[in-house]
Amino acid sequence: LIYTGQPWHPQLELIAGVLTSHKDGKPWVMRVRSQGEMDSLVHDAGFDKCTQRIDEWGIFTVSMAVRRDN
């Protein structure tokens, strides 16, 4: 499994004020998830994280996990 994360973003308020939801036209409010929360969701789904990369500003992450044998 390859999954991406965005633990924080310096322009969250700007994005919410400019972009709108495709569903109802309301401001698009993103909720950031910590890397720990993302990893926990992946673990709870039956995967073990094996590696991660993060950009130099700590905004974007790409992680890889493998399915646990049951």
N, C-alpha and C. Protein backbone atom coordinates (compact mmCIF):
# COMPACT_ATOMS: atom_id res chain seq x y z
N LEU A 1 0.86 -1.17 0.00
CA LEU A 1 0.00 0.00 0.00
C LEU A 1 0.90 1.23 0.00
N ILE A 2 0.61 2.17 -0.88
CA ILE A 2 1.29 3.46 -0.87
C ILE A 2 0.24 4.50 -0.50
N TYR A 3 0.56 5.31 0.51
CA TYR A 3 -0.39 6.34 0.93
C TYR A 3 0.33 7.67 1.15
N THR A 4 -0.41 8.74 0.93
CA THR A 4 0.16 10.07 1.05
C THR A 4 -0.47 10.80 2.23
N GLY A 5 0.25 11.75 2.74
CA GLY A 5 -0.25 12.55 3.85
C GLY A 5 0.14 14.01 3.67
N GLN A 6 -0.55 14.85 4.38
CA GLN A 6 -0.24 16.27 4.41
C GLN A 6 -0.41 16.71 5.86
N PRO A 7 0.63 16.46 6.69
CA PRO A 7 0.53 16.74 8.12
C PRO A 7 0.22 18.19 8.47
N TRP A 8 0.62 19.11 7.61
CA TRP A 8 0.28 20.52 7.82
C TRP A 8 0.42 21.24 6.48
N HIS A 9 -0.15 22.42 6.39
CA HIS A 9 0.00 23.21 5.17
C HIS A 9 -0.04 24.68 5.56
N PRO A 10 0.93 25.46 5.11
CA PRO A 10 0.99 26.87 5.53
C PRO A 10 -0.14 27.74 4.96
N GLN A 11 -0.90 27.22 4.00
CA GLN A 11 -1.93 28.04 3.36
C GLN A 11 -3.34 27.48 3.54
N LEU A 12 -3.58 26.78 4.65
CA LEU A 12 -4.90 26.19 4.87
C LEU A 12 -6.02 27.22 4.83
N GLU A 13 -5.83 28.36 5.48
CA GLU A 13 -6.88 29.38 5.51
C GLU A 13 -7.10 29.98 4.12
N LEU A 14 -6.03 30.20 3.38
CA LEU A 14 -6.16 30.72 2.02
C LEU A 14 -6.92 29.74 1.14
N ILE A 15 -6.58 28.46 1.23
CA ILE A 15 -7.26 27.44 0.44
C ILE A 15 -8.75 27.41 0.76
N ALA A 16 -9.09 27.48 2.04
CA ALA A 16 -10.50 27.45 2.45
C ALA A 16 -11.25 28.68 1.94
N GLY A 17 -10.55 29.80 1.83
CA GLY A 17 -11.20 31.02 1.38
C GLY A 17 -11.33 31.15 -0.13
N VAL A 18 -10.54 30.37 -0.86
CA VAL A 18 -10.52 30.49 -2.32
C VAL A 18 -11.22 29.31 -3.00
N LEU A 19 -10.95 28.10 -2.54
CA LEU A 19 -11.52 26.91 -3.17
C LEU A 19 -12.86 26.56 -2.54
N THR A 20 -13.73 25.99 -3.34
CA THR A 20 -15.02 25.55 -2.82
C THR A 20 -15.19 24.05 -3.04
N SER A 21 -16.08 23.48 -2.27
CA SER A 21 -16.40 22.06 -2.38
C SER A 21 -17.14 21.80 -3.68
N HIS A 22 -16.80 20.71 -4.34
CA HIS A 22 -17.51 20.35 -5.57
C HIS A 22 -18.92 19.85 -5.28
N LYS A 23 -19.21 19.55 -4.02
CA LYS A 23 -20.52 19.00 -3.66
C LYS A 23 -21.57 20.09 -3.46
N ASP A 24 -21.21 21.13 -2.69
CA ASP A 24 -22.24 22.11 -2.33
C ASP A 24 -21.78 23.56 -2.46
N GLY A 25 -20.59 23.79 -2.98
CA GLY A 25 -20.12 25.15 -3.19
C GLY A 25 -19.65 25.87 -1.95
N LYS A 26 -19.67 25.20 -0.80
CA LYS A 26 -19.19 25.82 0.44
C LYS A 26 -17.66 25.81 0.44
N PRO A 27 -17.05 26.67 1.29
CA PRO A 27 -15.59 26.69 1.37
C PRO A 27 -15.02 25.29 1.63
N TRP A 28 -13.93 25.00 0.96
CA TRP A 28 -13.27 23.71 1.10
C TRP A 28 -12.34 23.77 2.30
N VAL A 29 -12.74 23.17 3.38
CA VAL A 29 -11.96 23.17 4.61
C VAL A 29 -11.26 21.83 4.75
N MET A 30 -9.95 21.85 4.66
CA MET A 30 -9.18 20.62 4.81
C MET A 30 -8.90 20.39 6.29
N ARG A 31 -8.95 19.15 6.69
CA ARG A 31 -8.54 18.79 8.05
C ARG A 31 -7.23 18.04 7.93
N VAL A 32 -6.20 18.62 8.52
CA VAL A 32 -4.91 17.94 8.47
C VAL A 32 -4.93 16.74 9.42
N ARG A 33 -4.18 15.72 9.07
CA ARG A 33 -4.02 14.54 9.93
C ARG A 33 -2.54 14.40 10.22
N SER A 34 -2.21 14.17 11.47
CA SER A 34 -0.81 13.95 11.81
C SER A 34 -0.34 12.66 11.15
N GLN A 35 0.96 12.53 10.99
CA GLN A 35 1.49 11.30 10.41
C GLN A 35 1.16 10.12 11.31
N GLY A 36 1.17 10.35 12.60
CA GLY A 36 0.81 9.29 13.54
C GLY A 36 -0.62 8.81 13.35
N GLU A 37 -1.55 9.75 13.10
CA GLU A 37 -2.94 9.36 12.86
C GLU A 37 -3.06 8.55 11.57
N MET A 38 -2.38 9.00 10.52
CA MET A 38 -2.42 8.26 9.24
C MET A 38 -1.85 6.85 9.42
N ASP A 39 -0.72 6.75 10.10
CA ASP A 39 -0.09 5.45 10.31
C ASP A 39 -1.00 4.54 11.13
N SER A 40 -1.69 5.10 12.10
CA SER A 40 -2.60 4.32 12.93
C SER A 40 -3.78 3.78 12.11
N LEU A 41 -4.33 4.61 11.23
CA LEU A 41 -5.41 4.16 10.35
C LEU A 41 -4.95 3.01 9.45
N VAL A 42 -3.75 3.15 8.92
CA VAL A 42 -3.19 2.11 8.05
C VAL A 42 -2.96 0.83 8.85
N HIS A 43 -2.43 0.97 10.05
CA HIS A 43 -2.19 -0.20 10.91
C HIS A 43 -3.50 -0.90 11.25
N ASP A 44 -4.52 -0.11 11.61
CA ASP A 44 -5.82 -0.68 11.95
C ASP A 44 -6.47 -1.40 10.76
N ALA A 45 -6.07 -1.03 9.54
CA ALA A 45 -6.60 -1.67 8.34
C ALA A 45 -5.82 -2.94 7.98
N GLY A 46 -4.82 -3.30 8.82
CA GLY A 46 -4.11 -4.55 8.62
C GLY A 46 -2.77 -4.44 7.91
N PHE A 47 -2.18 -3.25 7.91
CA PHE A 47 -0.90 -3.04 7.24
C PHE A 47 0.17 -2.60 8.24
N ASP A 48 1.42 -2.89 7.91
CA ASP A 48 2.56 -2.43 8.69
C ASP A 48 3.38 -1.48 7.83
N LYS A 49 3.59 -0.27 8.33
CA LYS A 49 4.37 0.72 7.60
C LYS A 49 5.82 0.26 7.53
N CYS A 50 6.43 0.40 6.35
CA CYS A 50 7.82 -0.03 6.21
C CYS A 50 8.76 1.10 5.80
N THR A 51 8.25 2.17 5.21
CA THR A 51 9.12 3.29 4.85
C THR A 51 8.29 4.55 4.64
N GLN A 52 8.98 5.69 4.68
CA GLN A 52 8.31 6.98 4.49
C GLN A 52 9.30 7.98 3.93
N ARG A 53 8.81 8.87 3.10
CA ARG A 53 9.58 10.00 2.59
C ARG A 53 8.77 11.25 2.89
N ILE A 54 9.49 12.35 3.15
CA ILE A 54 8.83 13.62 3.44
C ILE A 54 9.59 14.74 2.75
N ASP A 55 8.88 15.74 2.26
CA ASP A 55 9.55 16.84 1.58
C ASP A 55 10.30 17.70 2.60
N GLU A 56 11.15 18.57 2.09
CA GLU A 56 12.03 19.35 2.97
C GLU A 56 11.29 20.32 3.88
N TRP A 57 10.05 20.64 3.58
CA TRP A 57 9.28 21.56 4.42
C TRP A 57 8.34 20.83 5.38
N GLY A 58 8.27 19.51 5.26
CA GLY A 58 7.41 18.73 6.15
C GLY A 58 5.93 18.83 5.83
N ILE A 59 5.62 19.20 4.59
CA ILE A 59 4.22 19.37 4.21
C ILE A 59 3.62 18.09 3.65
N PHE A 60 4.36 17.42 2.78
CA PHE A 60 3.84 16.24 2.09
C PHE A 60 4.63 14.99 2.45
N THR A 61 3.93 13.88 2.67
CA THR A 61 4.58 12.61 2.95
C THR A 61 4.07 11.54 1.99
N VAL A 62 4.93 10.58 1.70
CA VAL A 62 4.56 9.39 0.95
C VAL A 62 5.08 8.21 1.76
N SER A 63 4.20 7.29 2.09
CA SER A 63 4.57 6.14 2.91
C SER A 63 4.20 4.85 2.20
N MET A 64 4.89 3.79 2.58
CA MET A 64 4.59 2.47 2.04
C MET A 64 4.38 1.52 3.20
N ALA A 65 3.39 0.65 3.04
CA ALA A 65 3.07 -0.35 4.07
C ALA A 65 2.78 -1.67 3.38
N VAL A 66 2.99 -2.75 4.12
CA VAL A 66 2.70 -4.09 3.60
C VAL A 66 1.61 -4.72 4.46
N ARG A 67 0.79 -5.54 3.82
CA ARG A 67 -0.30 -6.21 4.53
C ARG A 67 0.29 -7.26 5.48
N ARG A 68 -0.24 -7.25 6.70
CA ARG A 68 0.17 -8.26 7.68
C ARG A 68 -0.44 -9.60 7.31
N ASP A 69 0.30 -10.67 7.51
CA ASP A 69 -0.25 -12.01 7.34
C ASP A 69 -1.08 -12.35 8.56
N ASN A 70 -2.26 -12.85 8.35
CA ASN A 70 -3.14 -13.20 9.48
C ASN A 70 -3.04 -14.66 9.80
